[in-house]
PDB file of N, CA and C in Angstrom:
ATOM      1  N   MET A   1       5.674  36.491  -1.566  1.00  0.00           N
ATOM      2  CA  MET A   1       3.937  37.113  -0.772  1.00  0.00           C
ATOM      3  C   MET A   1       2.612  36.030  -1.533  1.00  0.00           C
ATOM      4  N   LEU A   2       1.741  36.176  -0.230  1.00  0.00           N
ATOM      5  CA  LEU A   2       0.966  35.090  -0.400  1.00  0.00           C
ATOM      6  C   LEU A   2      -0.471  35.841  -0.874  1.00  0.00           C
ATOM      7  N   THR A   3      -0.990  35.124  -1.801  1.00  0.00           N
ATOM      8  CA  THR A   3      -2.421  35.732  -1.832  1.00  0.00           C
ATOM      9  C   THR A   3      -3.478  35.730  -0.561  1.00  0.00           C
ATOM     10  N   ASN A   4      -4.584  36.484  -1.100  1.00  0.00           N
ATOM     11  CA  ASN A   4      -5.473  36.124   0.343  1.00  0.00           C
ATOM     12  C   ASN A   4      -6.135  35.048   0.343  1.00  0.00           C
ATOM     13  N   GLU A   5      -6.498  34.264  -0.568  1.00  0.00           N
ATOM     14  CA  GLU A   5      -6.761  32.885  -0.760  1.00  0.00           C
ATOM     15  C   GLU A   5      -5.487  31.941   0.233  1.00  0.00           C
ATOM     16  N   THR A   6      -4.710  32.154  -0.592  1.00  0.00           N
ATOM     17  CA  THR A   6      -3.618  30.933  -0.103  1.00  0.00           C
ATOM     18  C   THR A   6      -3.220  31.407   1.244  1.00  0.00           C
ATOM     19  N   LYS A   7      -3.766  32.568   1.697  1.00  0.00           N
ATOM     20  CA  LYS A   7      -3.359  32.964   3.086  1.00  0.00           C
ATOM     21  C   LYS A   7      -4.326  32.559   3.876  1.00  0.00           C
ATOM     22  N   LEU A   8      -5.679  32.192   3.698  1.00  0.00           N
ATOM     23  CA  LEU A   8      -6.979  31.745   4.116  1.00  0.00           C
ATOM     24  C   LEU A   8      -6.730  30.362   4.263  1.00  0.00           C
ATOM     25  N   VAL A   9      -6.007  29.704   3.405  1.00  0.00           N
ATOM     26  CA  VAL A   9      -5.889  28.437   3.537  1.00  0.00           C
ATOM     27  C   VAL A   9      -4.933  27.969   4.401  1.00  0.00           C
ATOM     28  N   LEU A  10      -3.965  28.769   4.623  1.00  0.00           N
ATOM     29  CA  LEU A  10      -2.631  28.388   5.706  1.00  0.00           C
ATOM     30  C   LEU A  10      -3.354  28.465   6.994  1.00  0.00           C
ATOM     31  N   LEU A  11      -4.122  29.616   7.458  1.00  0.00           N
ATOM     32  CA  LEU A  11      -4.647  29.792   8.432  1.00  0.00           C
ATOM     33  C   LEU A  11      -5.484  29.081   8.975  1.00  0.00           C
ATOM     34  N   GLN A  12      -6.261  28.562   7.948  1.00  0.00           N
ATOM     35  CA  GLN A  12      -7.450  27.347   8.187  1.00  0.00           C
ATOM     36  C   GLN A  12      -6.591  26.206   8.611  1.00  0.00           C
ATOM     37  N   PHE A  13      -5.577  25.662   8.197  1.00  0.00           N
ATOM     38  CA  PHE A  13      -4.460  24.515   8.419  1.00  0.00           C
ATOM     39  C   PHE A  13      -3.800  25.050  10.084  1.00  0.00           C
ATOM     40  N   TYR A  14      -3.535  26.298  10.348  1.00  0.00           N
ATOM     41  CA  TYR A  14      -3.088  26.332  11.225  1.00  0.00           C
ATOM     42  C   TYR A  14      -4.538  26.311  12.688  1.00  0.00           C
ATOM     43  N   LYS A  15      -5.508  26.889  12.366  1.00  0.00           N
ATOM     44  CA  LYS A  15      -6.780  26.615  13.216  1.00  0.00           C
ATOM     45  C   LYS A  15      -6.981  24.864  13.265  1.00  0.00           C
ATOM     46  N   VAL A  16      -7.080  24.332  12.483  1.00  0.00           N
ATOM     47  CA  VAL A  16      -6.939  22.928  12.449  1.00  0.00           C
ATOM     48  C   VAL A  16      -6.280  22.531  13.315  1.00  0.00           C
ATOM     49  N   TYR A  17      -4.897  22.552  13.315  1.00  0.00           N
ATOM     50  CA  TYR A  17      -3.846  22.296  13.849  1.00  0.00           C
ATOM     51  C   TYR A  17      -3.493  22.552  15.316  1.00  0.00           C
ATOM     52  N   LEU A  18      -3.869  23.527  15.569  1.00  0.00           N
ATOM     53  CA  LEU A  18      -4.262  24.115  17.293  1.00  0.00           C
ATOM     54  C   LEU A  18      -5.318  23.288  17.745  1.00  0.00           C
ATOM     55  N   ASP A  19      -6.232  23.151  17.087  1.00  0.00           N
ATOM     56  CA  ASP A  19      -7.703  22.415  17.714  1.00  0.00           C
ATOM     57  C   ASP A  19      -7.352  21.001  18.010  1.00  0.00           C
ATOM     58  N   ARG A  20      -6.384  20.456  16.789  1.00  0.00           N
ATOM     59  CA  ARG A  20      -6.227  18.806  17.066  1.00  0.00           C
ATOM     60  C   ARG A  20      -5.080  18.907  18.305  1.00  0.00           C
ATOM     61  N   ILE A  21      -3.962  19.989  18.618  1.00  0.00           N
ATOM     62  CA  ILE A  21      -3.473  19.671  19.867  1.00  0.00           C
ATOM     63  C   ILE A  21      -3.885  19.834  20.981  1.00  0.00           C
ATOM     64  N   GLU A  22      -5.326  21.161  21.086  1.00  0.00           N
ATOM     65  CA  GLU A  22      -6.288  21.198  22.167  1.00  0.00           C
ATOM     66  C   GLU A  22      -6.834  19.936  22.264  1.00  0.00           C
ATOM     67  N   ASP A  23      -6.949  19.250  21.321  1.00  0.00           N
ATOM     68  CA  ASP A  23      -7.873  17.831  21.614  1.00  0.00           C
ATOM     69  C   ASP A  23      -7.131  16.695  21.822  1.00  0.00           C
ATOM     70  N   GLY A  24      -5.957  17.135  22.805  1.00  0.00           N
ATOM     71  CA  GLY A  24      -4.477  15.752  22.648  1.00  0.00           C
ATOM     72  C   GLY A  24      -4.128  15.199  21.571  1.00  0.00           C
ATOM     73  N   GLU A  25      -3.635  15.652  20.350  1.00  0.00           N
ATOM     74  CA  GLU A  25      -2.862  15.024  19.252  1.00  0.00           C
ATOM     75  C   GLU A  25      -1.793  15.536  19.765  1.00  0.00           C
ATOM     76  N   SER A  26      -0.567  14.861  19.294  1.00  0.00           N
ATOM     77  CA  SER A  26       0.815  15.207  19.078  1.00  0.00           C
ATOM     78  C   SER A  26       1.056  15.937  18.085  1.00  0.00           C
ATOM     79  N   GLN A  27       2.088  16.909  18.551  1.00  0.00           N
ATOM     80  CA  GLN A  27       2.336  18.313  17.575  1.00  0.00           C
ATOM     81  C   GLN A  27       2.269  17.872  15.818  1.00  0.00           C
ATOM     82  N   TYR A  28       3.455  16.710  15.706  1.00  0.00           N
ATOM     83  CA  TYR A  28       3.880  15.876  14.638  1.00  0.00           C
ATOM     84  C   TYR A  28       2.610  15.837  14.048  1.00  0.00           C
ATOM     85  N   SER A  29       2.025  14.590  14.312  1.00  0.00           N
ATOM     86  CA  SER A  29       0.452  13.828  13.714  1.00  0.00           C
ATOM     87  C   SER A  29      -0.694  15.307  13.282  1.00  0.00           C
ATOM     88  N   ALA A  30      -0.574  16.584  14.403  1.00  0.00           N
ATOM     89  CA  ALA A  30      -1.452  17.264  13.928  1.00  0.00           C
ATOM     90  C   ALA A  30      -1.413  18.179  12.948  1.00  0.00           C
ATOM     91  N   THR A  31       0.088  17.770  11.964  1.00  0.00           N
ATOM     92  CA  THR A  31       0.515  19.242  11.192  1.00  0.00           C
ATOM     93  C   THR A  31      -0.241  18.056   9.816  1.00  0.00           C
ATOM     94  N   TYR A  32      -0.709  16.927   9.769  1.00  0.00           N
ATOM     95  CA  TYR A  32      -0.935  16.284   8.381  1.00  0.00           C
ATOM     96  C   TYR A  32      -2.036  16.387   7.815  1.00  0.00           C
ATOM     97  N   PHE A  33      -1.947  16.546   7.129  1.00  0.00           N
ATOM     98  CA  PHE A  33      -3.744  16.794   6.364  1.00  0.00           C
ATOM     99  C   PHE A  33      -3.867  15.810   5.011  1.00  0.00           C
ATOM    100  N   GLY A  34      -3.089  14.984   5.021  1.00  0.00           N
ATOM    101  CA  GLY A  34      -3.354  13.947   4.243  1.00  0.00           C
ATOM    102  C   GLY A  34      -3.257  14.625   2.357  1.00  0.00           C
ATOM    103  N   THR A  35      -4.111  13.768   0.917  1.00  0.00           N
ATOM    104  CA  THR A  35      -4.422  14.253   0.077  1.00  0.00           C
ATOM    105  C   THR A  35      -5.358  15.477  -0.381  1.00  0.00           C
ATOM    106  N   ASP A  36      -5.180  15.826  -1.321  1.00  0.00           N
ATOM    107  CA  ASP A  36      -5.869  16.927  -1.698  1.00  0.00           C
ATOM    108  C   ASP A  36      -7.365  16.572  -2.104  1.00  0.00           C
ATOM    109  N   GLU A  37      -7.767  15.597  -1.911  1.00  0.00           N
ATOM    110  CA  GLU A  37      -9.342  15.491  -1.778  1.00  0.00           C
ATOM    111  C   GLU A  37      -9.659  14.983  -0.442  1.00  0.00           C
ATOM    112  N   GLU A  38      -9.181  14.303   0.483  1.00  0.00           N
ATOM    113  CA  GLU A  38      -9.551  14.297   1.856  1.00  0.00           C
ATOM    114  C   GLU A  38      -8.905  16.138   2.636  1.00  0.00           C
ATOM    115  N   SER A  39      -8.355  16.853   2.404  1.00  0.00           N
ATOM    116  CA  SER A  39      -8.538  17.497   3.444  1.00  0.00           C
ATOM    117  C   SER A  39      -9.153  18.258   2.613  1.00  0.00           C
ATOM    118  N   PHE A  40      -9.387  18.943   1.144  1.00  0.00           N
ATOM    119  CA  PHE A  40     -10.506  19.694   0.638  1.00  0.00           C
ATOM    120  C   PHE A  40     -12.363  19.254   1.533  1.00  0.00           C
ATOM    121  N   ASP A  41     -12.713  18.044   1.175  1.00  0.00           N
ATOM    122  CA  ASP A  41     -13.838  17.628   1.702  1.00  0.00           C
ATOM    123  C   ASP A  41     -13.889  17.854   3.477  1.00  0.00           C
ATOM    124  N   ASN A  42     -13.116  17.883   4.086  1.00  0.00           N
ATOM    125  CA  ASN A  42     -12.622  18.211   5.588  1.00  0.00           C
ATOM    126  C   ASN A  42     -12.696  19.411   5.752  1.00  0.00           C
ATOM    127  N   TYR A  43     -11.846  20.477   5.135  1.00  0.00           N
ATOM    128  CA  TYR A  43     -12.116  21.372   5.538  1.00  0.00           C
ATOM    129  C   TYR A  43     -12.078  22.694   4.403  1.00  0.00           C
ATOM    130  N   PHE A  44     -12.275  22.494   3.637  1.00  0.00           N
ATOM    131  CA  PHE A  44     -12.460  23.327   2.513  1.00  0.00           C
ATOM    132  C   PHE A  44     -13.801  23.341   1.386  1.00  0.00           C
ATOM    133  N   LEU A  45     -14.728  22.821   1.481  1.00  0.00           N
ATOM    134  CA  LEU A  45     -15.878  22.139   0.843  1.00  0.00           C
ATOM    135  C   LEU A  45     -16.569  23.770   0.205  1.00  0.00           C
ATOM    136  N   GLY A  46     -16.100  25.275   0.591  1.00  0.00           N
ATOM    137  CA  GLY A  46     -16.779  26.688   0.188  1.00  0.00           C
ATOM    138  C   GLY A  46     -15.784  27.160  -0.931  1.00  0.00           C
ATOM    139  N   MET A  47     -14.837  26.463  -0.932  1.00  0.00           N
ATOM    140  CA  MET A  47     -13.554  26.639  -2.024  1.00  0.00           C
ATOM    141  C   MET A  47     -13.960  26.054  -2.955  1.00  0.00           C
ATOM    142  N   ASP A  48     -13.695  26.867  -4.233  1.00  0.00           N
ATOM    143  CA  ASP A  48     -13.332  25.882  -5.628  1.00  0.00           C
ATOM    144  C   ASP A  48     -12.079  24.966  -5.691  1.00  0.00           C
ATOM    145  N   PHE A  49     -12.259  23.458  -6.138  1.00  0.00           N
ATOM    146  CA  PHE A  49     -11.103  22.904  -5.847  1.00  0.00           C
ATOM    147  C   PHE A  49      -9.838  22.901  -6.214  1.00  0.00           C
ATOM    148  N   ASP A  50     -10.076  23.500  -7.623  1.00  0.00           N
ATOM    149  CA  ASP A  50      -8.648  23.735  -8.557  1.00  0.00           C
ATOM    150  C   ASP A  50      -7.894  25.067  -7.659  1.00  0.00           C
ATOM    151  N   SER A  51      -8.706  25.657  -7.071  1.00  0.00           N
ATOM    152  CA  SER A  51      -8.078  26.945  -6.208  1.00  0.00           C
ATOM    153  C   SER A  51      -7.165  26.594  -5.232  1.00  0.00           C
ATOM    154  N   TYR A  52      -7.991  26.030  -4.477  1.00  0.00           N
ATOM    155  CA  TYR A  52      -7.546  25.120  -3.407  1.00  0.00           C
ATOM    156  C   TYR A  52      -5.952  24.566  -3.196  1.00  0.00           C
ATOM    157  N   VAL A  53      -6.215  23.574  -4.034  1.00  0.00           N
ATOM    158  CA  VAL A  53      -4.939  22.792  -4.926  1.00  0.00           C
ATOM    159  C   VAL A  53      -3.965  23.731  -5.597  1.00  0.00           C
ATOM    160  N   SER A  54      -3.968  24.650  -6.138  1.00  0.00           N
ATOM    161  CA  SER A  54      -3.072  25.631  -6.485  1.00  0.00           C
ATOM    162  C   SER A  54      -2.568  26.525  -4.986  1.00  0.00           C
ATOM    163  N   SER A  55      -3.573  26.815  -3.871  1.00  0.00           N
ATOM    164  CA  SER A  55      -3.235  27.797  -2.935  1.00  0.00           C
ATOM    165  C   SER A  55      -2.196  26.786  -2.286  1.00  0.00           C
ATOM    166  N   VAL A  56      -2.274  25.439  -2.331  1.00  0.00           N
ATOM    167  CA  VAL A  56      -1.444  24.554  -1.258  1.00  0.00           C
ATOM    168  C   VAL A  56      -0.154  24.653  -2.084  1.00  0.00           C
ATOM    169  N   LEU A  57      -0.239  24.206  -3.421  1.00  0.00           N
ATOM    170  CA  LEU A  57       1.389  23.879  -3.979  1.00  0.00           C
ATOM    171  C   LEU A  57       1.773  25.238  -3.994  1.00  0.00           C
ATOM    172  N   GLN A  58       1.431  26.554  -3.552  1.00  0.00           N
ATOM    173  CA  GLN A  58       1.835  27.829  -3.647  1.00  0.00           C
ATOM    174  C   GLN A  58       2.297  27.637  -1.920  1.00  0.00           C
ATOM    175  N   LEU A  59       1.344  27.363  -1.037  1.00  0.00           N
ATOM    176  CA  LEU A  59       2.258  27.224   0.191  1.00  0.00           C
ATOM    177  C   LEU A  59       3.522  26.620   0.079  1.00  0.00           C
ATOM    178  N   GLY A  60       3.532  25.031  -0.325  1.00  0.00           N
ATOM    179  CA  GLY A  60       4.846  24.370  -0.795  1.00  0.00           C
ATOM    180  C   GLY A  60       6.026  25.402  -1.405  1.00  0.00           C
ATOM    181  N   SER A  61       5.496  25.817  -2.161  1.00  0.00           N
ATOM    182  CA  SER A  61       7.042  26.696  -2.714  1.00  0.00           C
ATOM    183  C   SER A  61       7.627  27.618  -1.826  1.00  0.00           C
ATOM    184  N   HIS A  62       6.358  28.099  -0.907  1.00  0.00           N
ATOM    185  CA  HIS A  62       7.011  29.382  -0.228  1.00  0.00           C
ATOM    186  C   HIS A  62       7.906  28.698   1.082  1.00  0.00           C
ATOM    187  N   GLY A  63       7.416  27.159   1.419  1.00  0.00           N
ATOM    188  CA  GLY A  63       8.408  26.756   2.243  1.00  0.00           C
ATOM    189  C   GLY A  63       7.148  26.517   3.519  1.00  0.00           C
ATOM    190  N   TYR A  64       6.016  26.846   3.678  1.00  0.00           N
ATOM    191  CA  TYR A  64       4.873  26.862   4.450  1.00  0.00           C
ATOM    192  C   TYR A  64       4.418  25.589   4.700  1.00  0.00           C
ATOM    193  N   ALA A  65       4.759  24.397   4.052  1.00  0.00           N
ATOM    194  CA  ALA A  65       3.930  22.898   3.901  1.00  0.00           C
ATOM    195  C   ALA A  65       5.069  22.520   3.246  1.00  0.00           C
ATOM    196  N   THR A  66       5.011  20.785   3.433  1.00  0.00           N
ATOM    197  CA  THR A  66       5.327  19.968   2.463  1.00  0.00           C
ATOM    198  C   THR A  66       4.461  19.338   1.929  1.00  0.00           C
ATOM    199  N   VAL A  67       4.792  19.503   1.027  1.00  0.00           N
ATOM    200  CA  VAL A  67       3.680  18.806  -0.478  1.00  0.00           C
ATOM    201  C   VAL A  67       4.489  17.908  -1.198  1.00  0.00           C
ATOM    202  N   ALA A  68       3.757  16.871  -1.503  1.00  0.00           N
ATOM    203  CA  ALA A  68       4.331  15.668  -2.108  1.00  0.00           C
ATOM    204  C   ALA A  68       3.034  15.550  -3.659  1.00  0.00           C
ATOM    205  N   THR A  69       3.861  16.219  -4.790  1.00  0.00           N
ATOM    206  CA  THR A  69       2.896  16.307  -5.479  1.00  0.00           C
ATOM    207  C   THR A  69       2.109  15.084  -5.937  1.00  0.00           C
ATOM    208  N   GLY A  70       1.075  14.869  -7.230  1.00  0.00           N
ATOM    209  CA  GLY A  70       0.490  14.090  -6.992  1.00  0.00           C
ATOM    210  C   GLY A  70      -0.011  13.831  -8.464  1.00  0.00           C
ATOM    211  N   ASP A  71      -1.172  13.195  -8.759  1.00  0.00           N
ATOM    212  CA  ASP A  71      -1.612  13.197 -10.096  1.00  0.00           C
ATOM    213  C   ASP A  71      -2.479  14.624 -10.222  1.00  0.00           C
ATOM    214  N   GLY A  72      -1.721  15.417 -10.626  1.00  0.00           N
ATOM    215  CA  GLY A  72      -2.547  16.999 -11.098  1.00  0.00           C
ATOM    216  C   GLY A  72      -3.043  17.726  -9.876  1.00  0.00           C
ATOM    217  N   GLY A  73      -2.258  17.074  -8.180  1.00  0.00           N
ATOM    218  CA  GLY A  73      -2.831  17.832  -7.394  1.00  0.00           C
ATOM    219  C   GLY A  73      -1.813  17.303  -6.083  1.00  0.00           C
ATOM    220  N   PHE A  74      -2.347  16.409  -5.025  1.00  0.00           N
ATOM    221  CA  PHE A  74      -0.827  16.588  -3.993  1.00  0.00           C
ATOM    222  C   PHE A  74      -1.532  15.129  -3.626  1.00  0.00           C
ATOM    223  N   ALA A  75      -0.614  14.275  -2.899  1.00  0.00           N
ATOM    224  CA  ALA A  75      -0.828  13.119  -2.584  1.00  0.00           C
ATOM    225  C   ALA A  75      -0.767  12.977  -1.387  1.00  0.00           C
ATOM    226  N   GLU A  76       0.198  14.039  -0.342  1.00  0.00           N
ATOM    227  CA  GLU A  76      -0.006  14.167   0.974  1.00  0.00           C
ATOM    228  C   GLU A  76       0.598  15.700   1.093  1.00  0.00           C
ATOM    229  N   MET A  77      -0.100  16.373   2.385  1.00  0.00           N
ATOM    230  CA  MET A  77       0.417  17.745   2.621  1.00  0.00           C
ATOM    231  C   MET A  77       0.855  17.913   4.064  1.00  0.00           C
ATOM    232  N   ALA A  78       1.573  18.419   4.905  1.00  0.00           N
ATOM    233  CA  ALA A  78       1.614  18.527   6.175  1.00  0.00           C
ATOM    234  C   ALA A  78       2.271  20.286   6.007  1.00  0.00           C
ATOM    235  N   LEU A  79       1.468  20.950   7.791  1.00  0.00           N
ATOM    236  CA  LEU A  79       2.169  22.127   7.807  1.00  0.00           C
ATOM    237  C   LEU A  79       3.911  22.287   8.573  1.00  0.00           C
ATOM    238  N   SER A  80       4.564  23.182   7.818  1.00  0.00           N
ATOM    239  CA  SER A  80       5.788  22.917   7.946  1.00  0.00           C
ATOM    240  C   SER A  80       5.627  24.092   9.270  1.00  0.00           C
ATOM    241  N   ASN A  81       7.082  23.756   9.750  1.00  0.00           N
ATOM    242  CA  ASN A  81       7.689  24.628  11.192  1.00  0.00           C
ATOM    243  C   ASN A  81       7.402  26.247  10.436  1.00  0.00           C
ATOM    244  N   GLU A  82       7.469  26.649   9.357  1.00  0.00           N
ATOM    245  CA  GLU A  82       7.855  27.816   8.783  1.00  0.00           C
ATOM    246  C   GLU A  82       6.141  28.458   9.020  1.00  0.00           C
ATOM    247  N   GLY A  83       5.411  27.655   8.339  1.00  0.00           N
ATOM    248  CA  GLY A  83       4.090  27.520   8.382  1.00  0.00           C
ATOM    249  C   GLY A  83       3.601  28.117   9.628  1.00  0.00           C
ATOM    250  N   ILE A  84       3.645  27.501  10.774  1.00  0.00           N
ATOM    251  CA  ILE A  84       3.307  27.308  11.874  1.00  0.00           C
ATOM    252  C   ILE A  84       3.702  28.232  12.190  1.00  0.00           C
ATOM    253  N   ALA A  85       4.903  29.323  12.148  1.00  0.00           N
ATOM    254  CA  ALA A  85       5.348  29.789  12.468  1.00  0.00           C
ATOM    255  C   ALA A  85       5.070  31.639  11.669  1.00  0.00           C
ATOM    256  N   TYR A  86       4.975  31.470  10.646  1.00  0.00           N
ATOM    257  CA  TYR A  86       4.043  32.451   9.474  1.00  0.00           C
ATOM    258  C   TYR A  86       3.016  33.166  10.656  1.00  0.00           C
ATOM    259  N   CYS A  87       1.873  31.897  10.924  1.00  0.00           N
ATOM    260  CA  CYS A  87       0.494  32.130  11.534  1.00  0.00           C
ATOM    261  C   CYS A  87       0.432  32.534  12.789  1.00  0.00           C
ATOM    262  N   GLU A  88       1.712  32.243  13.827  1.00  0.00           N
ATOM    263  CA  GLU A  88       2.206  32.725  14.842  1.00  0.00           C
ATOM    264  C   GLU A  88       2.311  34.043  14.705  1.00  0.00           C
ATOM    265  N   ASN A  89       2.928  34.598  13.769  1.00  0.00           N
ATOM    266  CA  ASN A  89       3.514  35.804  13.966  1.00  0.00           C
ATOM    267  C   ASN A  89       2.068  36.999  13.167  1.00  0.00           C
ATOM    268  N   GLU A  90       1.102  36.164  12.765  1.00  0.00           N
ATOM    269  CA  GLU A  90       0.169  36.844  11.817  1.00  0.00           C
ATOM    270  C   GLU A  90      -0.528  36.937  13.265  1.00  0.00           C
ATOM    271  N   THR A  91      -0.853  36.170  13.944  1.00  0.00           N
ATOM    272  CA  THR A  91      -2.073  35.676  14.612  1.00  0.00           C
ATOM    273  C   THR A  91      -1.616  36.257  16.072  1.00  0.00           C
ATOM    274  N   SER A  92      -0.177  36.676  16.301  1.00  0.00           N
ATOM    275  CA  SER A  92       0.211  36.910  17.680  1.00  0.00           C
ATOM    276  C   SER A  92      -0.689  35.747  18.894  1.00  0.00           C
ATOM    277  N   LYS A  93      -0.344  34.621  18.448  1.00  0.00           N
ATOM    278  CA  LYS A  93      -0.537  33.270  18.927  1.00  0.00           C
ATOM    279  C   LYS A  93      -2.046  33.527  19.777  1.00  0.00           C
ATOM    280  N   ASN A  94      -3.113  34.562  19.000  1.00  0.00           N
ATOM    281  CA  ASN A  94      -4.268  34.537  19.837  1.00  0.00           C
ATOM    282  C   ASN A  94      -5.099  33.857  18.906  1.00  0.00           C
ATOM    283  N   TYR A  95      -5.944  33.075  19.724  1.00  0.00           N
ATOM    284  CA  TYR A  95      -6.742  32.673  18.852  1.00  0.00           C
ATOM    285  C   TYR A  95      -8.075  33.610  18.229  1.00  0.00           C
ATOM    286  N   SER A  96      -8.523  34.075  19.149  1.00  0.00           N
ATOM    287  CA  SER A  96      -9.457  34.854  18.824  1.00  0.00           C
ATOM    288  C   SER A  96      -8.901  35.788  17.364  1.00  0.00           C
ATOM    289  N   LEU A  97      -7.775  36.385  17.139  1.00  0.00           N
ATOM    290  CA  LEU A  97      -7.134  36.792  16.187  1.00  0.00           C
ATOM    291  C   LEU A  97      -6.736  36.022  14.959  1.00  0.00           C
ATOM    292  N   LEU A  98      -7.187  35.090  15.492  1.00  0.00           N
ATOM    293  CA  LEU A  98      -6.799  34.024  14.027  1.00  0.00           C
ATOM    294  C   LEU A  98      -8.480  33.739  13.413  1.00  0.00           C
ATOM    295  N   LEU A  99      -9.360  33.912  14.231  1.00  0.00           N
ATOM    296  CA  LEU A  99     -10.621  33.571  13.889  1.00  0.00           C
ATOM    297  C   LEU A  99     -10.779  34.538  13.359  1.00  0.00           C
ATOM    298  N   LYS A 100     -10.825  35.877  13.439  1.00  0.00           N
ATOM    299  CA  LYS A 100     -11.454  37.209  12.811  1.00  0.00           C
ATOM    300  C   LYS A 100     -10.321  36.898  11.659  1.00  0.00           C
ATOM    301  N   ALA A 101      -9.201  37.073  11.417  1.00  0.00           N
ATOM    302  CA  ALA A 101      -8.555  36.684  10.426  1.00  0.00           C
ATOM    303  C   ALA A 101      -9.105  36.038   9.141  1.00  0.00           C
ATOM    304  N   ILE A 102      -9.474  34.802   9.927  1.00  0.00           N
ATOM    305  CA  ILE A 102      -9.995  33.825   9.095  1.00  0.00           C
ATOM    306  C   ILE A 102     -11.074  34.248   8.128  1.00  0.00           C
ATOM    307  N   SER A 103     -12.157  34.685   9.310  1.00  0.00           N
ATOM    308  CA  SER A 103     -13.251  35.538   8.693  1.00  0.00           C
ATOM    309  C   SER A 103     -12.918  36.513   7.920  1.00  0.00           C
ATOM    310  N   ASP A 104     -11.990  37.229   8.274  1.00  0.00           N
ATOM    311  CA  ASP A 104     -12.244  38.452   7.048  1.00  0.00           C
ATOM    312  C   ASP A 104     -12.036  37.875   5.594  1.00  0.00           C
ATOM    313  N   LEU A 105     -10.761  37.326   5.776  1.00  0.00           N
ATOM    314  CA  LEU A 105     -10.126  36.803   4.353  1.00  0.00           C
ATOM    315  C   LEU A 105     -11.263  35.767   3.595  1.00  0.00           C
ATOM    316  N   LYS A 106     -12.446  35.267   4.690  1.00  0.00           N
ATOM    317  CA  LYS A 106     -13.095  34.379   3.673  1.00  0.00           C
ATOM    318  C   LYS A 106     -14.545  35.388   3.112  1.00  0.00           C
ATOM    319  N   LYS A 107     -14.638  36.604   3.816  1.00  0.00           N
ATOM    320  CA  LYS A 107     -15.635  37.678   3.538  1.00  0.00           C
ATOM    321  C   LYS A 107     -14.785  38.459   1.942  1.00  0.00           C
ATOM    322  N   LEU A 108     -13.548  38.574   1.970  1.00  0.00           N
ATOM    323  CA  LEU A 108     -13.013  39.100   0.952  1.00  0.00           C
ATOM    324  C   LEU A 108     -12.756  37.881  -0.653  1.00  0.00           C
ATOM    325  N   ILE A 109     -12.797  36.519  -0.340  1.00  0.00           N
ATOM    326  CA  ILE A 109     -12.757  35.416  -1.674  1.00  0.00           C
ATOM    327  C   ILE A 109     -13.896  34.909  -1.495  1.00  0.00           C
ATOM    328  N   ILE A 110     -14.775  34.155  -0.649  1.00  0.00           N
ATOM    329  CA  ILE A 110     -16.023  33.334  -0.802  1.00  0.00           C
ATOM    330  C   ILE A 110     -17.391  33.915  -1.013  1.00  0.00           C
TER     331      ILE A 110
END
């Protein structure tokens, strides 16, 4: 089971993944988010960095992301097929529901 914070991170990654595909990026490359600092700076500045890293590591332990751990954080991270499927089920593949879920979780956390 995922914490609300970890679910928020996963849904935000899924949103970025969908946006990248919409912009013409391949599905494969759209799943890649890079290092802990890169992905945090690009998508999660409103969160505590250590909590963010912990959430990504939790996603990896549940199989929702492929995570290469690094020096106290992670060196690479990509959304997995399991993570994408989880998000599709959570949002019924509806972008408006995805945005609402992200907004609702942010209200609980940030």
